[in-house]
Amino acid sequence: MHSLRMHRAWNFSLVLLFIGFNLIACDGPRGVVTALNTETPAAPVNSPGTYRLSPGDKLKVTVFNEVDLTGEFQVNERGNIAFPLVGEVQAANSTSDEFQQRLTARLRGKYVKKPRVSVEMISYRPVNVLGEVRNAGQIQYRPGLTLQDAVALAGGFTYRANTRTVYVRRADASGEVSISTDGERVPILPGDNIRVPERYF
């Protein structure tokens, strides 16, 4: 009788252990990012001073008292800005402050005695929204844009869309990350590619 009770207690312990392992293996709370690779969505663009410029971004450059050197300029495919007098100036992977310092150095002395330069972000490279949305294509990025905002700006989900999981690929990443949409609002960055998959019935 004692051995029978011991056997039942052992079986009960095994059941509890099995349940525990299954609870650990279950998905976490919805709204978290499940990475398909090592990259996870980065923080939103809070200010031009922390954002790294990329092709497609547009800047307003003001050189005080130099009307001919003041205007709007876009970062080209080579990552440069073609600027009057000095030619192409590297912009990609620089903050607007770093670009301002680089341009000032190029102008100083040879073209402008004491250049005073200011750089202001006008627009960021667009975000691409593809797949099961009503109006797939490019949308204009704005600081604070979230995944949910981007889908709404693209017309919302189609009836075929998987509305629970969306894939995002950063402009500088080689792969996508899978994001649950029914939780926290997920920040989007300039140049992101958002893909809304079709659901499986």
Protein backbone atom coordinates (compact mmCIF):
# COMPACT_ATOMS: atom_id res chain seq x y z
CA MET A 1 0.00 0.00 0.00
CA HIS A 2 2.87 2.30 0.89
CA SER A 3 4.56 1.60 -2.48
CA LEU A 4 1.28 2.35 -4.31
CA ARG A 5 1.03 5.77 -2.62
CA MET A 6 4.66 6.47 -3.49
CA HIS A 7 3.99 5.50 -7.12
CA ARG A 8 0.96 7.82 -7.33
CA ALA A 9 2.91 10.70 -5.74
CA TRP A 10 5.72 10.21 -8.28
CA ASN A 11 3.24 10.24 -11.18
CA PHE A 12 1.62 13.42 -9.82
CA SER A 13 5.05 15.11 -9.59
CA LEU A 14 5.78 14.20 -13.20
CA VAL A 15 2.46 15.74 -14.28
CA LEU A 16 3.25 18.99 -12.44
CA LEU A 17 6.72 19.09 -13.98
CA PHE A 18 5.27 18.58 -17.48
CA ILE A 19 2.74 21.40 -16.96
CA GLY A 20 5.51 23.70 -15.73
CA PHE A 21 7.62 23.11 -18.82
CA ASN A 22 4.65 23.81 -21.08
CA LEU A 23 3.89 27.07 -19.30
CA ILE A 24 7.49 28.21 -19.77
CA ALA A 25 7.37 27.34 -23.47
CA CYS A 26 4.16 29.27 -24.12
CA ASP A 27 4.24 32.59 -25.94
CA GLY A 28 4.85 35.70 -23.90
CA PRO A 29 2.40 38.56 -23.61
CA ARG A 30 1.12 39.93 -26.88
CA GLY A 31 2.60 43.16 -28.12
CA VAL A 32 6.20 42.05 -27.68
CA VAL A 33 8.56 41.76 -30.61
CA THR A 34 9.49 38.23 -31.66
CA ALA A 35 12.77 38.48 -33.53
CA LEU A 36 13.41 36.35 -36.58
CA ASN A 37 17.01 37.50 -36.40
CA THR A 38 19.13 39.48 -33.95
CA GLU A 39 17.72 42.86 -34.97
CA THR A 40 14.75 44.31 -33.11
CA PRO A 41 12.88 47.52 -33.89
CA ALA A 42 14.84 50.51 -32.66
CA ALA A 43 13.65 53.57 -30.82
CA PRO A 44 11.66 56.17 -32.73
CA VAL A 45 13.24 59.28 -34.20
CA ASN A 46 12.95 61.79 -31.37
CA SER A 47 14.93 64.63 -32.91
CA PRO A 48 16.98 65.35 -36.02
CA GLY A 49 20.03 65.65 -33.77
CA THR A 50 20.00 61.90 -33.06
CA TYR A 51 18.83 60.66 -36.46
CA ARG A 52 21.34 59.32 -38.99
CA LEU A 53 20.76 60.69 -42.48
CA SER A 54 20.11 58.35 -45.40
CA PRO A 55 19.34 58.61 -49.13
CA GLY A 56 15.92 60.17 -49.68
CA ASP A 57 16.07 62.51 -46.67
CA LYS A 58 15.62 66.19 -47.43
CA LEU A 59 17.29 69.07 -45.57
CA LYS A 60 16.99 72.82 -45.53
CA VAL A 61 20.46 74.39 -45.41
CA THR A 62 20.80 78.06 -44.51
CA VAL A 63 24.11 79.88 -44.94
CA PHE A 64 23.55 83.26 -43.33
CA ASN A 65 24.04 86.23 -45.66
CA GLU A 66 24.59 83.84 -48.57
CA VAL A 67 21.30 83.60 -50.50
CA ASP A 68 22.82 81.55 -53.31
CA LEU A 69 23.97 78.90 -50.84
CA THR A 70 20.64 78.61 -49.03
CA GLY A 71 17.99 76.12 -50.09
CA GLU A 72 16.54 72.62 -49.86
CA PHE A 73 18.75 69.64 -50.62
CA GLN A 74 18.12 65.90 -50.82
CA VAL A 75 20.53 63.14 -49.88
CA ASN A 76 21.22 61.31 -53.15
CA GLU A 77 21.65 57.58 -53.77
CA ARG A 78 25.37 57.84 -53.07
CA GLY A 79 24.61 59.24 -49.62
CA ASN A 80 25.83 62.74 -50.50
CA ILE A 81 24.33 66.20 -50.91
CA ALA A 82 25.34 68.11 -54.04
CA PHE A 83 26.03 71.59 -52.69
CA PRO A 84 26.85 74.75 -54.67
CA LEU A 85 30.54 75.62 -54.98
CA VAL A 86 31.87 72.74 -52.87
CA GLY A 87 30.32 69.84 -54.79
CA GLU A 88 29.16 66.64 -53.06
CA VAL A 89 29.33 66.52 -49.29
CA GLN A 90 28.91 63.26 -47.39
CA ALA A 91 25.64 63.11 -45.48
CA ALA A 92 24.65 59.45 -45.04
CA ASN A 93 25.24 57.94 -41.59
CA SER A 94 25.75 61.43 -40.15
CA THR A 95 23.47 63.39 -37.88
CA SER A 96 22.29 66.75 -39.14
CA ASP A 97 24.71 68.38 -36.67
CA GLU A 98 27.63 66.37 -38.03
CA PHE A 99 26.67 67.27 -41.60
CA GLN A 100 26.42 70.94 -40.62
CA GLN A 101 29.94 70.84 -39.20
CA ARG A 102 31.30 69.06 -42.28
CA LEU A 103 29.68 71.55 -44.65
CA THR A 104 30.90 74.50 -42.58
CA ALA A 105 34.45 73.19 -42.77
CA ARG A 106 34.20 72.80 -46.54
CA LEU A 107 32.92 76.38 -46.98
CA ARG A 108 35.24 78.09 -44.54
CA GLY A 109 37.98 80.26 -45.97
CA LYS A 110 37.93 79.19 -49.59
CA TYR A 111 34.31 80.11 -50.36
CA VAL A 112 32.95 81.96 -47.30
CA LYS A 113 35.20 83.76 -44.84
CA LYS A 114 33.25 82.94 -41.67
CA PRO A 115 30.33 80.71 -42.66
CA ARG A 116 27.38 80.39 -40.31
CA VAL A 117 25.40 77.33 -41.33
CA SER A 118 22.18 75.85 -40.00
CA VAL A 119 20.65 72.54 -41.06
CA GLU A 120 16.99 71.62 -40.60
CA MET A 121 15.21 68.35 -41.42
CA ILE A 122 12.37 68.90 -43.89
CA SER A 123 11.31 65.34 -44.60
CA TYR A 124 12.51 61.82 -43.97
CA ARG A 125 12.73 58.98 -46.46
CA PRO A 126 9.35 57.28 -46.86
CA VAL A 127 8.08 54.08 -45.28
CA ASN A 128 6.92 51.23 -47.53
CA VAL A 129 3.74 49.35 -46.59
CA LEU A 130 3.19 46.19 -48.61
CA GLY A 131 0.92 43.17 -48.64
CA GLU A 132 -2.64 42.98 -47.37
CA VAL A 133 -3.45 46.68 -46.95
CA ARG A 134 -5.93 48.64 -49.03
CA ASN A 135 -3.44 51.16 -50.45
CA ALA A 136 -0.02 49.50 -50.57
CA GLY A 137 2.89 51.80 -51.36
CA GLN A 138 4.91 54.57 -49.76
CA ILE A 139 3.77 56.79 -46.91
CA GLN A 140 5.54 59.87 -45.62
CA TYR A 141 7.40 59.33 -42.36
CA ARG A 142 6.85 61.66 -39.45
CA PRO A 143 8.46 61.52 -35.99
CA GLY A 144 6.45 59.36 -33.63
CA LEU A 145 4.98 57.17 -36.39
CA THR A 146 3.96 53.73 -35.15
CA LEU A 147 3.24 50.46 -36.92
CA GLN A 148 -0.46 50.89 -36.26
CA ASP A 149 -0.37 54.42 -37.71
CA ALA A 150 1.41 53.21 -40.85
CA VAL A 151 -1.18 50.51 -41.50
CA ALA A 152 -3.98 53.03 -41.00
CA LEU A 153 -2.34 55.51 -43.41
CA ALA A 154 -2.14 52.70 -45.96
CA GLY A 155 -5.92 52.31 -45.81
CA GLY A 156 -6.08 49.63 -43.14
CA PHE A 157 -6.13 45.86 -43.44
CA THR A 158 -7.87 44.00 -46.25
CA TYR A 159 -10.32 41.23 -45.35
CA ARG A 160 -7.59 38.69 -46.21
CA ALA A 161 -5.00 40.20 -43.88
CA ASN A 162 -3.44 38.54 -40.90
CA THR A 163 -4.30 41.30 -38.45
CA ARG A 164 -2.36 39.77 -35.55
CA THR A 165 1.16 39.55 -37.00
CA VAL A 166 3.03 41.99 -39.23
CA TYR A 167 6.63 41.85 -40.50
CA VAL A 168 9.03 44.80 -40.42
CA ARG A 169 12.43 45.08 -42.06
CA ARG A 170 14.69 47.98 -41.11
CA ALA A 171 16.38 49.84 -43.93
CA ASP A 172 19.81 48.70 -42.74
CA ALA A 173 18.82 45.12 -41.86
CA SER A 174 19.01 41.95 -43.91
CA GLY A 175 15.94 40.25 -42.48
CA GLU A 176 12.49 40.86 -41.05
CA VAL A 177 11.15 40.83 -37.53
CA SER A 178 7.74 39.49 -36.62
CA ILE A 179 5.57 41.84 -34.55
CA SER A 180 2.30 41.18 -32.76
CA THR A 181 -0.14 44.02 -33.47
CA ASP A 182 -2.60 43.57 -30.63
CA GLY A 183 -0.44 45.04 -27.91
CA GLU A 184 1.84 48.02 -27.41
CA ARG A 185 2.26 50.56 -30.19
CA VAL A 186 5.47 49.76 -32.07
CA PRO A 187 7.68 52.65 -33.33
CA ILE A 188 8.56 52.80 -37.02
CA LEU A 189 11.71 54.38 -38.49
CA PRO A 190 12.32 56.15 -41.80
CA GLY A 191 12.91 53.70 -44.62
CA ASP A 192 11.24 50.76 -42.88
CA ASN A 193 9.46 48.13 -44.96
CA ILE A 194 6.22 46.85 -43.46
CA ARG A 195 4.68 43.65 -44.84
CA VAL A 196 1.17 42.58 -43.88
CA PRO A 197 0.78 38.86 -44.68
CA GLU A 198 -2.34 37.02 -45.76
CA ARG A 199 -4.01 34.98 -43.06
CA TYR A 200 -4.46 31.25 -43.40
CA PHE A 201 -8.04 30.14 -43.01
